[in-house]
Protein backbone atom coordinates (compact mmCIF):
# COMPACT_ATOMS: atom_id res chain seq x y z
CA UNK A 1 3.05 21.77 28.29
CA UNK A 2 1.70 19.60 25.47
CA UNK A 3 -1.78 20.08 24.06
CA UNK A 4 -3.83 16.93 24.73
CA UNK A 5 -6.60 15.52 22.55
CA UNK A 6 -8.54 12.31 23.14
CA UNK A 7 -7.85 9.23 21.04
CA UNK A 8 -10.82 8.55 18.73
CA UNK A 9 -10.65 4.83 19.56
CA UNK A 10 -10.13 4.60 23.34
CA UNK A 11 -10.59 8.20 24.51
CA UNK A 12 -7.20 8.32 26.27
CA UNK A 13 -5.84 11.93 26.45
CA UNK A 14 -2.75 11.98 24.24
CA UNK A 15 -0.41 14.80 23.13
CA UNK A 16 -1.47 15.85 19.63
CA UNK A 17 1.99 15.18 18.17
CA UNK A 18 1.62 11.49 19.17
CA UNK A 19 -1.76 10.98 17.47
CA UNK A 20 -1.79 9.28 14.05
CA UNK A 21 -4.36 10.07 11.36
CA UNK A 22 -5.51 6.74 9.94
CA UNK A 23 -8.55 5.19 8.34
CA UNK A 24 -10.16 3.08 11.06
CA UNK A 25 -13.07 0.90 9.93
CA UNK A 26 -13.72 3.10 6.90
CA UNK A 27 -13.58 6.58 8.49
CA UNK A 28 -10.75 8.97 9.37
CA UNK A 29 -9.66 8.75 13.00
CA UNK A 30 -6.85 10.12 15.15
CA UNK A 31 -5.54 7.34 17.35
CA UNK A 32 -2.85 7.01 20.01
CA UNK A 33 0.26 4.81 19.62
CA UNK A 34 -1.21 2.13 21.93
CA UNK A 35 -4.33 1.75 19.78
CA UNK A 36 -2.18 1.92 16.66
CA UNK A 37 -0.24 -1.16 17.75
CA UNK A 38 -3.28 -2.97 19.15
CA UNK A 39 -5.69 -2.37 16.24
CA UNK A 40 -3.30 -2.91 13.33
CA UNK A 41 -5.68 -5.21 11.43
CA UNK A 42 -8.43 -2.55 11.45
CA UNK A 43 -6.18 0.28 10.22
CA UNK A 44 -5.60 1.42 6.66
CA UNK A 45 -3.04 4.25 6.60
CA UNK A 46 -4.05 7.02 4.17
CA UNK A 47 -1.44 8.07 1.65
CA UNK A 48 -1.07 10.62 -1.08
CA UNK A 49 -0.54 9.11 -4.54
CA UNK A 50 2.63 10.14 -6.30
CA UNK A 51 2.21 12.56 -9.19
CA UNK A 52 4.42 10.45 -11.46
CA UNK A 53 2.88 7.15 -12.45
CA UNK A 54 5.96 5.53 -14.01
CA UNK A 55 8.86 3.75 -12.44
CA UNK A 56 11.63 5.97 -11.14
CA UNK A 57 15.09 4.71 -12.00
CA UNK A 58 17.57 7.47 -11.14
CA UNK A 59 20.57 5.19 -11.60
CA UNK A 60 19.85 4.84 -15.35
CA UNK A 61 19.14 8.52 -15.98
CA UNK A 62 21.70 10.42 -18.06
CA UNK A 63 21.83 13.18 -15.41
CA UNK A 64 23.82 11.05 -12.97
CA UNK A 65 26.39 9.79 -15.48
């Protein structure tokens, strides 16, 4: 049996593996797939910046030649 948590937007009980962590109107929220598709203009998906700041071009690296 799946563990259910409420969606932070609509309150619908949703299995925790279906909830998405997003930034909704400036704060972190866990929302269900229905709210994710309905509220797409209000959502900013958080991301982790890459540690390397330069362009990655593996095809021009000497390692692959």
